[in-house]
Amino acid sequence: MVTNRRILSEVRVNRSMLAGGMVLTAIGSVLGAAGAAMVCAALLTAGRKWVRSLETPPAALAQRALRDVKTASAAGWEAWRAEHSSPN
């Protein structure tokens, strides 16, 4: 334990440099967050404009796809039942 105390007592941290680094890191974090928010806002705006420019709204495309899936599922189920139906 004496060795650890001696090593730790010899370590001298430049407090002004440490404080300056912390301030610069905080400023950089705030600027980074602001930049990320601006990028997100720009992408959101562009996405909204793109969706508005579509001929068919995404909800209609989703409804069409769901109807197609239901139709295909029913057809597959009927084909399976016809193939595996028991004569009873």
PDB file of N, CA and C in Angstrom:
ATOM      1  N   MET A   1       0.799  -1.192   0.000  1.00  0.00           N
ATOM      2  CA  MET A   1       0.000   0.000   0.000  1.00  0.00           C
ATOM      3  C   MET A   1       0.844   1.259   0.000  1.00  0.00           C
ATOM      4  N   VAL A   2       2.001   1.203   0.599  1.00  0.00           N
ATOM      5  CA  VAL A   2       2.864   2.376   0.656  1.00  0.00           C
ATOM      6  C   VAL A   2       3.281   2.777  -0.748  1.00  0.00           C
ATOM      7  N   THR A   3       3.524   1.799  -1.612  1.00  0.00           N
ATOM      8  CA  THR A   3       3.947   2.089  -2.978  1.00  0.00           C
ATOM      9  C   THR A   3       2.845   2.818  -3.740  1.00  0.00           C
ATOM     10  N   ASN A   4       1.600   2.381  -3.579  1.00  0.00           N
ATOM     11  CA  ASN A   4       0.482   3.034  -4.265  1.00  0.00           C
ATOM     12  C   ASN A   4       0.316   4.473  -3.803  1.00  0.00           C
ATOM     13  N   ARG A   5       0.463   4.720  -2.527  1.00  0.00           N
ATOM     14  CA  ARG A   5       0.328   6.087  -2.018  1.00  0.00           C
ATOM     15  C   ARG A   5       1.424   6.982  -2.560  1.00  0.00           C
ATOM     16  N   ARG A   6       2.607   6.438  -2.653  1.00  0.00           N
ATOM     17  CA  ARG A   6       3.722   7.242  -3.143  1.00  0.00           C
ATOM     18  C   ARG A   6       3.519   7.586  -4.622  1.00  0.00           C
ATOM     19  N   ILE A   7       3.024   6.645  -5.415  1.00  0.00           N
ATOM     20  CA  ILE A   7       2.800   6.906  -6.847  1.00  0.00           C
ATOM     21  C   ILE A   7       1.689   7.933  -7.023  1.00  0.00           C
ATOM     22  N   LEU A   8       0.602   7.773  -6.284  1.00  0.00           N
ATOM     23  CA  LEU A   8      -0.511   8.710  -6.423  1.00  0.00           C
ATOM     24  C   LEU A   8      -0.147  10.107  -5.931  1.00  0.00           C
ATOM     25  N   SER A   9       0.691  10.215  -4.958  1.00  0.00           N
ATOM     26  CA  SER A   9       1.073  11.536  -4.474  1.00  0.00           C
ATOM     27  C   SER A   9       1.987  12.247  -5.458  1.00  0.00           C
ATOM     28  N   GLU A  10       2.627  11.521  -6.368  1.00  0.00           N
ATOM     29  CA  GLU A  10       3.514  12.127  -7.353  1.00  0.00           C
ATOM     30  C   GLU A  10       2.771  12.600  -8.601  1.00  0.00           C
ATOM     31  N   VAL A  11       1.544  12.164  -8.801  1.00  0.00           N
ATOM     32  CA  VAL A  11       0.772  12.551  -9.975  1.00  0.00           C
ATOM     33  C   VAL A  11       0.226  13.955  -9.753  1.00  0.00           C
ATOM     34  N   ARG A  12       0.559  14.848 -10.669  1.00  0.00           N
ATOM     35  CA  ARG A  12       0.094  16.232 -10.598  1.00  0.00           C
ATOM     36  C   ARG A  12      -0.691  16.532 -11.881  1.00  0.00           C
ATOM     37  N   VAL A  13      -1.946  16.874 -11.716  1.00  0.00           N
ATOM     38  CA  VAL A  13      -2.803  17.171 -12.853  1.00  0.00           C
ATOM     39  C   VAL A  13      -2.846  18.681 -13.032  1.00  0.00           C
ATOM     40  N   ASN A  14      -2.640  19.125 -14.262  1.00  0.00           N
ATOM     41  CA  ASN A  14      -2.751  20.543 -14.579  1.00  0.00           C
ATOM     42  C   ASN A  14      -4.240  20.887 -14.601  1.00  0.00           C
ATOM     43  N   ARG A  15      -4.708  21.513 -13.531  1.00  0.00           N
ATOM     44  CA  ARG A  15      -6.142  21.753 -13.387  1.00  0.00           C
ATOM     45  C   ARG A  15      -6.685  22.731 -14.406  1.00  0.00           C
ATOM     46  N   SER A  16      -5.918  23.712 -14.788  1.00  0.00           N
ATOM     47  CA  SER A  16      -6.419  24.665 -15.781  1.00  0.00           C
ATOM     48  C   SER A  16      -6.576  23.986 -17.139  1.00  0.00           C
ATOM     49  N   MET A  17      -5.663  23.092 -17.495  1.00  0.00           N
ATOM     50  CA  MET A  17      -5.785  22.372 -18.753  1.00  0.00           C
ATOM     51  C   MET A  17      -6.958  21.393 -18.685  1.00  0.00           C
ATOM     52  N   LEU A  18      -7.147  20.755 -17.545  1.00  0.00           N
ATOM     53  CA  LEU A  18      -8.267  19.842 -17.364  1.00  0.00           C
ATOM     54  C   LEU A  18      -9.596  20.594 -17.477  1.00  0.00           C
ATOM     55  N   ALA A  19      -9.688  21.750 -16.833  1.00  0.00           N
ATOM     56  CA  ALA A  19     -10.915  22.553 -16.904  1.00  0.00           C
ATOM     57  C   ALA A  19     -11.160  23.048 -18.325  1.00  0.00           C
ATOM     58  N   GLY A  20     -10.116  23.474 -19.001  1.00  0.00           N
ATOM     59  CA  GLY A  20     -10.270  23.922 -20.393  1.00  0.00           C
ATOM     60  C   GLY A  20     -10.738  22.794 -21.288  1.00  0.00           C
ATOM     61  N   GLY A  21     -10.187  21.616 -21.085  1.00  0.00           N
ATOM     62  CA  GLY A  21     -10.615  20.461 -21.877  1.00  0.00           C
ATOM     63  C   GLY A  21     -12.071  20.109 -21.624  1.00  0.00           C
ATOM     64  N   MET A  22     -12.487  20.213 -20.376  1.00  0.00           N
ATOM     65  CA  MET A  22     -13.885  19.926 -20.048  1.00  0.00           C
ATOM     66  C   MET A  22     -14.820  20.952 -20.690  1.00  0.00           C
ATOM     67  N   VAL A  23     -14.420  22.205 -20.685  1.00  0.00           N
ATOM     68  CA  VAL A  23     -15.250  23.264 -21.294  1.00  0.00           C
ATOM     69  C   VAL A  23     -15.347  23.041 -22.803  1.00  0.00           C
ATOM     70  N   LEU A  24     -14.209  22.765 -23.437  1.00  0.00           N
ATOM     71  CA  LEU A  24     -14.231  22.528 -24.881  1.00  0.00           C
ATOM     72  C   LEU A  24     -15.045  21.287 -25.233  1.00  0.00           C
ATOM     73  N   THR A  25     -14.958  20.259 -24.416  1.00  0.00           N
ATOM     74  CA  THR A  25     -15.756  19.048 -24.651  1.00  0.00           C
ATOM     75  C   THR A  25     -17.241  19.347 -24.525  1.00  0.00           C
ATOM     76  N   ALA A  26     -17.617  20.139 -23.533  1.00  0.00           N
ATOM     77  CA  ALA A  26     -19.029  20.504 -23.361  1.00  0.00           C
ATOM     78  C   ALA A  26     -19.522  21.326 -24.547  1.00  0.00           C
ATOM     79  N   ILE A  27     -18.711  22.290 -24.978  1.00  0.00           N
ATOM     80  CA  ILE A  27     -19.092  23.115 -26.134  1.00  0.00           C
ATOM     81  C   ILE A  27     -19.224  22.246 -27.382  1.00  0.00           C
ATOM     82  N   GLY A  28     -18.281  21.344 -27.577  1.00  0.00           N
ATOM     83  CA  GLY A  28     -18.348  20.446 -28.733  1.00  0.00           C
ATOM     84  C   GLY A  28     -19.570  19.551 -28.689  1.00  0.00           C
ATOM     85  N   SER A  29     -19.938  19.089 -27.508  1.00  0.00           N
ATOM     86  CA  SER A  29     -21.131  18.247 -27.371  1.00  0.00           C
ATOM     87  C   SER A  29     -22.393  19.021 -27.725  1.00  0.00           C
ATOM     88  N   VAL A  30     -22.470  20.253 -27.257  1.00  0.00           N
ATOM     89  CA  VAL A  30     -23.650  21.082 -27.563  1.00  0.00           C
ATOM     90  C   VAL A  30     -23.721  21.360 -29.062  1.00  0.00           C
ATOM     91  N   LEU A  31     -22.581  21.698 -29.661  1.00  0.00           N
ATOM     92  CA  LEU A  31     -22.572  21.956 -31.110  1.00  0.00           C
ATOM     93  C   LEU A  31     -22.905  20.694 -31.896  1.00  0.00           C
ATOM     94  N   GLY A  32     -22.395  19.557 -31.452  1.00  0.00           N
ATOM     95  CA  GLY A  32     -22.710  18.293 -32.125  1.00  0.00           C
ATOM     96  C   GLY A  32     -24.189  17.964 -32.046  1.00  0.00           C
ATOM     97  N   ALA A  33     -24.791  18.182 -30.876  1.00  0.00           N
ATOM     98  CA  ALA A  33     -26.224  17.925 -30.721  1.00  0.00           C
ATOM     99  C   ALA A  33     -27.041  18.879 -31.591  1.00  0.00           C
ATOM    100  N   ALA A  34     -26.622  20.140 -31.664  1.00  0.00           N
ATOM    101  CA  ALA A  34     -27.327  21.107 -32.511  1.00  0.00           C
ATOM    102  C   ALA A  34     -27.213  20.709 -33.980  1.00  0.00           C
ATOM    103  N   GLY A  35     -26.041  20.273 -34.394  1.00  0.00           N
ATOM    104  CA  GLY A  35     -25.866  19.830 -35.777  1.00  0.00           C
ATOM    105  C   GLY A  35     -26.708  18.607 -36.093  1.00  0.00           C
ATOM    106  N   ALA A  36     -26.761  17.670 -35.162  1.00  0.00           N
ATOM    107  CA  ALA A  36     -27.581  16.470 -35.373  1.00  0.00           C
ATOM    108  C   ALA A  36     -29.059  16.843 -35.472  1.00  0.00           C
ATOM    109  N   ALA A  37     -29.504  17.784 -34.665  1.00  0.00           N
ATOM    110  CA  ALA A  37     -30.902  18.230 -34.728  1.00  0.00           C
ATOM    111  C   ALA A  37     -31.203  18.884 -36.073  1.00  0.00           C
ATOM    112  N   MET A  38     -30.256  19.662 -36.589  1.00  0.00           N
ATOM    113  CA  MET A  38     -30.460  20.304 -37.891  1.00  0.00           C
ATOM    114  C   MET A  38     -30.527  19.269 -39.009  1.00  0.00           C
ATOM    115  N   VAL A  39     -29.681  18.264 -38.947  1.00  0.00           N
ATOM    116  CA  VAL A  39     -29.703  17.198 -39.957  1.00  0.00           C
ATOM    117  C   VAL A  39     -31.028  16.455 -39.909  1.00  0.00           C
ATOM    118  N   CYS A  40     -31.496  16.121 -38.707  1.00  0.00           N
ATOM    119  CA  CYS A  40     -32.773  15.422 -38.569  1.00  0.00           C
ATOM    120  C   CYS A  40     -33.927  16.258 -39.104  1.00  0.00           C
ATOM    121  N   ALA A  41     -33.914  17.550 -38.816  1.00  0.00           N
ATOM    122  CA  ALA A  41     -34.973  18.430 -39.309  1.00  0.00           C
ATOM    123  C   ALA A  41     -34.961  18.494 -40.834  1.00  0.00           C
ATOM    124  N   ALA A  42     -33.778  18.575 -41.420  1.00  0.00           N
ATOM    125  CA  ALA A  42     -33.683  18.638 -42.885  1.00  0.00           C
ATOM    126  C   ALA A  42     -34.175  17.337 -43.513  1.00  0.00           C
ATOM    127  N   LEU A  43     -33.795  16.202 -42.937  1.00  0.00           N
ATOM    128  CA  LEU A  43     -34.238  14.916 -43.482  1.00  0.00           C
ATOM    129  C   LEU A  43     -35.745  14.729 -43.315  1.00  0.00           C
ATOM    130  N   LEU A  44     -36.282  15.156 -42.192  1.00  0.00           N
ATOM    131  CA  LEU A  44     -37.719  15.049 -41.956  1.00  0.00           C
ATOM    132  C   LEU A  44     -38.501  15.907 -42.945  1.00  0.00           C
ATOM    133  N   THR A  45     -38.023  17.101 -43.180  1.00  0.00           N
ATOM    134  CA  THR A  45     -38.684  17.987 -44.149  1.00  0.00           C
ATOM    135  C   THR A  45     -38.636  17.403 -45.555  1.00  0.00           C
ATOM    136  N   ALA A  46     -37.477  16.895 -45.946  1.00  0.00           N
ATOM    137  CA  ALA A  46     -37.349  16.299 -47.273  1.00  0.00           C
ATOM    138  C   ALA A  46     -38.240  15.064 -47.414  1.00  0.00           C
ATOM    139  N   GLY A  47     -38.320  14.262 -46.357  1.00  0.00           N
ATOM    140  CA  GLY A  47     -39.177  13.075 -46.387  1.00  0.00           C
ATOM    141  C   GLY A  47     -40.643  13.429 -46.510  1.00  0.00           C
ATOM    142  N   ARG A  48     -41.066  14.448 -45.796  1.00  0.00           N
ATOM    143  CA  ARG A  48     -42.463  14.880 -45.900  1.00  0.00           C
ATOM    144  C   ARG A  48     -42.792  15.381 -47.300  1.00  0.00           C
ATOM    145  N   LYS A  49     -41.887  16.156 -47.880  1.00  0.00           N
ATOM    146  CA  LYS A  49     -42.119  16.658 -49.237  1.00  0.00           C
ATOM    147  C   LYS A  49     -42.186  15.503 -50.227  1.00  0.00           C
ATOM    148  N   TRP A  50     -41.331  14.488 -50.041  1.00  0.00           N
ATOM    149  CA  TRP A  50     -41.313  13.350 -50.947  1.00  0.00           C
ATOM    150  C   TRP A  50     -42.619  12.567 -50.840  1.00  0.00           C
ATOM    151  N   VAL A  51     -43.107  12.350 -49.620  1.00  0.00           N
ATOM    152  CA  VAL A  51     -44.353  11.607 -49.426  1.00  0.00           C
ATOM    153  C   VAL A  51     -45.521  12.368 -50.040  1.00  0.00           C
ATOM    154  N   ARG A  52     -45.522  13.690 -49.890  1.00  0.00           N
ATOM    155  CA  ARG A  52     -46.613  14.490 -50.476  1.00  0.00           C
ATOM    156  C   ARG A  52     -46.589  14.454 -52.004  1.00  0.00           C
ATOM    157  N   SER A  53     -45.405  14.236 -52.595  1.00  0.00           N
ATOM    158  CA  SER A  53     -45.301  14.239 -54.051  1.00  0.00           C
ATOM    159  C   SER A  53     -45.689  12.898 -54.672  1.00  0.00           C
ATOM    160  N   LEU A  54     -45.885  11.875 -53.869  1.00  0.00           N
ATOM    161  CA  LEU A  54     -46.240  10.558 -54.408  1.00  0.00           C
ATOM    162  C   LEU A  54     -47.655  10.583 -54.975  1.00  0.00           C
ATOM    163  N   GLU A  55     -47.865   9.835 -56.060  1.00  0.00           N
ATOM    164  CA  GLU A  55     -49.198   9.755 -56.652  1.00  0.00           C
ATOM    165  C   GLU A  55     -50.143   8.964 -55.755  1.00  0.00           C
ATOM    166  N   THR A  56     -49.648   7.870 -55.197  1.00  0.00           N
ATOM    167  CA  THR A  56     -50.448   7.034 -54.307  1.00  0.00           C
ATOM    168  C   THR A  56     -49.900   7.183 -52.892  1.00  0.00           C
ATOM    169  N   PRO A  57     -50.736   7.537 -51.933  1.00  0.00           N
ATOM    170  CA  PRO A  57     -50.250   7.695 -50.560  1.00  0.00           C
ATOM    171  C   PRO A  57     -49.755   6.357 -49.991  1.00  0.00           C
ATOM    172  N   PRO A  58     -48.794   6.403 -49.087  1.00  0.00           N
ATOM    173  CA  PRO A  58     -48.269   5.169 -48.499  1.00  0.00           C
ATOM    174  C   PRO A  58     -49.340   4.318 -47.823  1.00  0.00           C
ATOM    175  N   ALA A  59     -50.343   4.936 -47.230  1.00  0.00           N
ATOM    176  CA  ALA A  59     -51.407   4.161 -46.582  1.00  0.00           C
ATOM    177  C   ALA A  59     -52.168   3.330 -47.610  1.00  0.00           C
ATOM    178  N   ALA A  60     -52.412   3.895 -48.783  1.00  0.00           N
ATOM    179  CA  ALA A  60     -53.113   3.153 -49.835  1.00  0.00           C
ATOM    180  C   ALA A  60     -52.244   2.004 -50.342  1.00  0.00           C
ATOM    181  N   LEU A  61     -50.946   2.241 -50.466  1.00  0.00           N
ATOM    182  CA  LEU A  61     -50.049   1.164 -50.882  1.00  0.00           C
ATOM    183  C   LEU A  61     -50.029   0.036 -49.850  1.00  0.00           C
ATOM    184  N   ALA A  62     -50.037   0.393 -48.592  1.00  0.00           N
ATOM    185  CA  ALA A  62     -50.042  -0.616 -47.537  1.00  0.00           C
ATOM    186  C   ALA A  62     -51.338  -1.411 -47.548  1.00  0.00           C
ATOM    187  N   GLN A  63     -52.475  -0.728 -47.755  1.00  0.00           N
ATOM    188  CA  GLN A  63     -53.757  -1.430 -47.812  1.00  0.00           C
ATOM    189  C   GLN A  63     -53.793  -2.394 -48.996  1.00  0.00           C
ATOM    190  N   ARG A  64     -53.259  -1.969 -50.135  1.00  0.00           N
ATOM    191  CA  ARG A  64     -53.219  -2.831 -51.313  1.00  0.00           C
ATOM    192  C   ARG A  64     -52.351  -4.060 -51.066  1.00  0.00           C
ATOM    193  N   ALA A  65     -51.200  -3.842 -50.448  1.00  0.00           N
ATOM    194  CA  ALA A  65     -50.300  -4.962 -50.155  1.00  0.00           C
ATOM    195  C   ALA A  65     -50.951  -5.928 -49.164  1.00  0.00           C
ATOM    196  N   LEU A  66     -51.641  -5.409 -48.153  1.00  0.00           N
ATOM    197  CA  LEU A  66     -52.310  -6.263 -47.182  1.00  0.00           C
ATOM    198  C   LEU A  66     -53.413  -7.076 -47.843  1.00  0.00           C
ATOM    199  N   ARG A  67     -54.166  -6.452 -48.733  1.00  0.00           N
ATOM    200  CA  ARG A  67     -55.216  -7.174 -49.457  1.00  0.00           C
ATOM    201  C   ARG A  67     -54.609  -8.283 -50.314  1.00  0.00           C
ATOM    202  N   ASP A  68     -53.477  -7.994 -50.978  1.00  0.00           N
ATOM    203  CA  ASP A  68     -52.808  -9.011 -51.788  1.00  0.00           C
ATOM    204  C   ASP A  68     -52.310 -10.167 -50.927  1.00  0.00           C
ATOM    205  N   VAL A  69     -51.783  -9.849 -49.757  1.00  0.00           N
ATOM    206  CA  VAL A  69     -51.290 -10.902 -48.861  1.00  0.00           C
ATOM    207  C   VAL A  69     -52.449 -11.773 -48.383  1.00  0.00           C
ATOM    208  N   LYS A  70     -53.565 -11.152 -48.031  1.00  0.00           N
ATOM    209  CA  LYS A  70     -54.720 -11.926 -47.580  1.00  0.00           C
ATOM    210  C   LYS A  70     -55.243 -12.830 -48.688  1.00  0.00           C
ATOM    211  N   THR A  71     -55.281 -12.309 -49.910  1.00  0.00           N
ATOM    212  CA  THR A  71     -55.747 -13.102 -51.044  1.00  0.00           C
ATOM    213  C   THR A  71     -54.818 -14.286 -51.294  1.00  0.00           C
ATOM    214  N   ALA A  72     -53.516 -14.035 -51.272  1.00  0.00           N
ATOM    215  CA  ALA A  72     -52.552 -15.108 -51.494  1.00  0.00           C
ATOM    216  C   ALA A  72     -52.612 -16.136 -50.367  1.00  0.00           C
ATOM    217  N   SER A  73     -52.802 -15.679 -49.151  1.00  0.00           N
ATOM    218  CA  SER A  73     -52.895 -16.594 -48.017  1.00  0.00           C
ATOM    219  C   SER A  73     -54.131 -17.477 -48.134  1.00  0.00           C
ATOM    220  N   ALA A  74     -55.249 -16.877 -48.496  1.00  0.00           N
ATOM    221  CA  ALA A  74     -56.482 -17.652 -48.652  1.00  0.00           C
ATOM    222  C   ALA A  74     -56.335 -18.663 -49.786  1.00  0.00           C
ATOM    223  N   ALA A  75     -55.704 -18.252 -50.883  1.00  0.00           N
ATOM    224  CA  ALA A  75     -55.517 -19.176 -52.005  1.00  0.00           C
ATOM    225  C   ALA A  75     -54.602 -20.337 -51.605  1.00  0.00           C
ATOM    226  N   GLY A  76     -53.549 -20.033 -50.883  1.00  0.00           N
ATOM    227  CA  GLY A  76     -52.652 -21.095 -50.432  1.00  0.00           C
ATOM    228  C   GLY A  76     -53.335 -22.039 -49.469  1.00  0.00           C
ATOM    229  N   TRP A  77     -54.136 -21.487 -48.568  1.00  0.00           N
ATOM    230  CA  TRP A  77     -54.857 -22.316 -47.608  1.00  0.00           C
ATOM    231  C   TRP A  77     -55.850 -23.226 -48.326  1.00  0.00           C
ATOM    232  N   GLU A  78     -56.576 -22.682 -49.297  1.00  0.00           N
ATOM    233  CA  GLU A  78     -57.526 -23.493 -50.056  1.00  0.00           C
ATOM    234  C   GLU A  78     -56.818 -24.587 -50.851  1.00  0.00           C
ATOM    235  N   ALA A  79     -55.682 -24.269 -51.440  1.00  0.00           N
ATOM    236  CA  ALA A  79     -54.923 -25.281 -52.187  1.00  0.00           C
ATOM    237  C   ALA A  79     -54.437 -26.382 -51.252  1.00  0.00           C
ATOM    238  N   TRP A  80     -53.975 -26.004 -50.067  1.00  0.00           N
ATOM    239  CA  TRP A  80     -53.502 -27.011 -49.116  1.00  0.00           C
ATOM    240  C   TRP A  80     -54.654 -27.893 -48.652  1.00  0.00           C
ATOM    241  N   ARG A  81     -55.813 -27.279 -48.382  1.00  0.00           N
ATOM    242  CA  ARG A  81     -56.960 -28.059 -47.933  1.00  0.00           C
ATOM    243  C   ARG A  81     -57.443 -28.994 -49.026  1.00  0.00           C
ATOM    244  N   ALA A  82     -57.422 -28.543 -50.289  1.00  0.00           N
ATOM    245  CA  ALA A  82     -57.838 -29.397 -51.393  1.00  0.00           C
ATOM    246  C   ALA A  82     -56.882 -30.572 -51.561  1.00  0.00           C
ATOM    247  N   GLU A  83     -55.610 -30.354 -51.339  1.00  0.00           N
ATOM    248  CA  GLU A  83     -54.605 -31.406 -51.479  1.00  0.00           C
ATOM    249  C   GLU A  83     -54.672 -32.409 -50.338  1.00  0.00           C
ATOM    250  N   HIS A  84     -54.946 -31.921 -49.136  1.00  0.00           N
ATOM    251  CA  HIS A  84     -54.884 -32.778 -47.952  1.00  0.00           C
ATOM    252  C   HIS A  84     -56.248 -33.093 -47.348  1.00  0.00           C
ATOM    253  N   SER A  85     -57.279 -32.889 -48.099  1.00  0.00           N
ATOM    254  CA  SER A  85     -58.602 -33.149 -47.536  1.00  0.00           C
ATOM    255  C   SER A  85     -58.803 -34.656 -47.405  1.00  0.00           C
ATOM    256  N   SER A  86     -59.438 -35.041 -46.331  1.00  0.00           N
ATOM    257  CA  SER A  86     -59.666 -36.468 -46.123  1.00  0.00           C
ATOM    258  C   SER A  86     -60.998 -36.853 -46.766  1.00  0.00           C
ATOM    259  N   PRO A  87     -61.118 -38.080 -47.227  1.00  0.00           N
ATOM    260  CA  PRO A  87     -62.337 -38.506 -47.897  1.00  0.00           C
ATOM    261  C   PRO A  87     -63.504 -38.691 -46.902  1.00  0.00           C
ATOM    262  N   ASN A  88     -63.240 -38.562 -45.630  1.00  0.00           N
ATOM    263  CA  ASN A  88     -64.309 -38.779 -44.635  1.00  0.00           C
ATOM    264  C   ASN A  88     -65.314 -37.706 -44.697  1.00  0.00           C
TER     265      ASN A  88
END
